Amino acid sequence: MATRKAKGEDAVFNSLIEMHKASQKLRLPKPAAKKGPAAAAVDVCGIYSKIRPVLALITNFPLIPKKIKDAVKLLMSALDTICPS
């Protein structure tokens, strides 16, 4: 018995596939066990450059609420200012 697909279901499925592919490409460094002031030194720009494609996908994903999309866009805007490509 064939099932009817809801309108936009293919777009959602394709977005999920794109998010999965982008997450598989990430090569985030494992956190080192540091103590003291060195523990606070985090390469924000390096991490952001790797997760930016995933954040961009989140802003285009149809099932994510608008408030969350707006928050992610604001975060991306701030990080783009701090970390120019």
C-alpha atoms as a PDB file:
ATOM      1  CA  MET A   1       0.000   0.000   0.000  1.00  0.00           C
ATOM      2  CA  ALA A   2       1.521   3.313  -1.057  1.00  0.00           C
ATOM      3  CA  THR A   3       1.630   6.138   1.454  1.00  0.00           C
ATOM      4  CA  ARG A   4       0.967   9.752   0.585  1.00  0.00           C
ATOM      5  CA  LYS A   5       3.785  12.154   1.344  1.00  0.00           C
ATOM      6  CA  ALA A   6       2.955  15.377   3.115  1.00  0.00           C
ATOM      7  CA  LYS A   7       3.735  18.560   1.239  1.00  0.00           C
ATOM      8  CA  GLY A   8       7.331  19.601   1.905  1.00  0.00           C
ATOM      9  CA  GLU A   9       8.316  16.211   3.310  1.00  0.00           C
ATOM     10  CA  ASP A  10      10.983  15.782   0.629  1.00  0.00           C
ATOM     11  CA  ALA A  11      12.488  19.186   1.503  1.00  0.00           C
ATOM     12  CA  VAL A  12      12.670  18.220   5.177  1.00  0.00           C
ATOM     13  CA  PHE A  13      14.272  14.885   4.334  1.00  0.00           C
ATOM     14  CA  ASN A  14      16.834  16.554   2.052  1.00  0.00           C
ATOM     15  CA  SER A  15      17.644  19.124   4.762  1.00  0.00           C
ATOM     16  CA  LEU A  16      18.250  16.326   7.262  1.00  0.00           C
ATOM     17  CA  ILE A  17      20.580  14.589   4.821  1.00  0.00           C
ATOM     18  CA  GLU A  18      22.497  17.840   4.246  1.00  0.00           C
ATOM     19  CA  MET A  19      22.841  18.408   7.998  1.00  0.00           C
ATOM     20  CA  HIS A  20      24.105  14.854   8.489  1.00  0.00           C
ATOM     21  CA  LYS A  21      26.682  15.210   5.694  1.00  0.00           C
ATOM     22  CA  ALA A  22      27.904  18.539   7.102  1.00  0.00           C
ATOM     23  CA  SER A  23      28.218  17.089  10.609  1.00  0.00           C
ATOM     24  CA  GLN A  24      30.256  14.155   9.282  1.00  0.00           C
ATOM     25  CA  LYS A  25      32.782  16.575   7.735  1.00  0.00           C
ATOM     26  CA  LEU A  26      33.494  18.311  11.056  1.00  0.00           C
ATOM     27  CA  ARG A  27      36.864  17.560  12.558  1.00  0.00           C
ATOM     28  CA  LEU A  28      36.626  19.215  15.942  1.00  0.00           C
ATOM     29  CA  PRO A  29      39.673  18.901  18.186  1.00  0.00           C
ATOM     30  CA  LYS A  30      39.274  16.878  21.345  1.00  0.00           C
ATOM     31  CA  PRO A  31      39.460  19.044  24.457  1.00  0.00           C
ATOM     32  CA  ALA A  32      42.784  18.801  26.238  1.00  0.00           C
ATOM     33  CA  ALA A  33      42.930  18.425  29.992  1.00  0.00           C
ATOM     34  CA  LYS A  34      44.424  21.792  30.917  1.00  0.00           C
ATOM     35  CA  LYS A  35      44.387  23.602  34.230  1.00  0.00           C
ATOM     36  CA  GLY A  36      44.629  27.256  35.085  1.00  0.00           C
ATOM     37  CA  PRO A  37      44.543  30.175  32.635  1.00  0.00           C
ATOM     38  CA  ALA A  38      45.463  27.952  29.694  1.00  0.00           C
ATOM     39  CA  ALA A  39      42.140  26.129  30.095  1.00  0.00           C
ATOM     40  CA  ALA A  40      40.272  29.324  29.188  1.00  0.00           C
ATOM     41  CA  ALA A  41      42.110  29.713  25.869  1.00  0.00           C
ATOM     42  CA  VAL A  42      39.677  28.312  23.309  1.00  0.00           C
ATOM     43  CA  ASP A  43      40.030  28.772  19.566  1.00  0.00           C
ATOM     44  CA  VAL A  44      36.531  30.180  19.022  1.00  0.00           C
ATOM     45  CA  CYS A  45      37.185  31.233  15.435  1.00  0.00           C
ATOM     46  CA  GLY A  46      38.638  27.846  14.536  1.00  0.00           C
ATOM     47  CA  ILE A  47      35.642  26.006  15.941  1.00  0.00           C
ATOM     48  CA  TYR A  48      33.189  28.481  14.401  1.00  0.00           C
ATOM     49  CA  SER A  49      34.708  28.075  10.940  1.00  0.00           C
ATOM     50  CA  LYS A  50      34.029  24.341  11.184  1.00  0.00           C
ATOM     51  CA  ILE A  51      30.448  24.530  12.510  1.00  0.00           C
ATOM     52  CA  ARG A  52      29.306  27.523  10.426  1.00  0.00           C
ATOM     53  CA  PRO A  53      27.863  25.310   7.622  1.00  0.00           C
ATOM     54  CA  VAL A  54      25.788  23.391  10.171  1.00  0.00           C
ATOM     55  CA  LEU A  55      24.504  26.644  11.690  1.00  0.00           C
ATOM     56  CA  ALA A  56      23.597  27.869   8.208  1.00  0.00           C
ATOM     57  CA  LEU A  57      21.623  24.670   7.605  1.00  0.00           C
ATOM     58  CA  ILE A  58      19.766  25.186  10.885  1.00  0.00           C
ATOM     59  CA  THR A  59      18.616  28.614   9.734  1.00  0.00           C
ATOM     60  CA  ASN A  60      17.148  27.026   6.570  1.00  0.00           C
ATOM     61  CA  PHE A  61      15.588  23.943   8.197  1.00  0.00           C
ATOM     62  CA  PRO A  62      11.778  24.231   7.955  1.00  0.00           C
ATOM     63  CA  LEU A  63      10.896  22.588  11.300  1.00  0.00           C
ATOM     64  CA  ILE A  64      13.071  24.849  13.473  1.00  0.00           C
ATOM     65  CA  PRO A  65      11.029  27.602  15.218  1.00  0.00           C
ATOM     66  CA  LYS A  66      11.592  31.181  14.013  1.00  0.00           C
ATOM     67  CA  LYS A  67      12.899  32.339  17.416  1.00  0.00           C
ATOM     68  CA  ILE A  68      15.658  29.733  17.341  1.00  0.00           C
ATOM     69  CA  LYS A  69      16.525  30.580  13.728  1.00  0.00           C
ATOM     70  CA  ASP A  70      16.732  34.274  14.666  1.00  0.00           C
ATOM     71  CA  ALA A  71      19.009  33.453  17.613  1.00  0.00           C
ATOM     72  CA  VAL A  72      21.310  31.354  15.430  1.00  0.00           C
ATOM     73  CA  LYS A  73      21.420  34.143  12.812  1.00  0.00           C
ATOM     74  CA  LEU A  74      22.328  36.661  15.532  1.00  0.00           C
ATOM     75  CA  LEU A  75      25.080  34.370  16.841  1.00  0.00           C
ATOM     76  CA  MET A  76      26.424  33.885  13.315  1.00  0.00           C
ATOM     77  CA  SER A  77      26.392  37.620  12.688  1.00  0.00           C
ATOM     78  CA  ALA A  78      28.353  38.291  15.868  1.00  0.00           C
ATOM     79  CA  LEU A  79      30.874  35.542  15.140  1.00  0.00           C
ATOM     80  CA  ASP A  80      31.261  36.693  11.515  1.00  0.00           C
ATOM     81  CA  THR A  81      32.209  40.115  12.894  1.00  0.00           C
ATOM     82  CA  ILE A  82      34.676  38.666  15.390  1.00  0.00           C
ATOM     83  CA  CYS A  83      36.099  36.023  13.063  1.00  0.00           C
ATOM     84  CA  PRO A  84      36.315  37.389   9.510  1.00  0.00           C
ATOM     85  CA  SER A  85      37.010  34.699   6.929  1.00  0.00           C
END
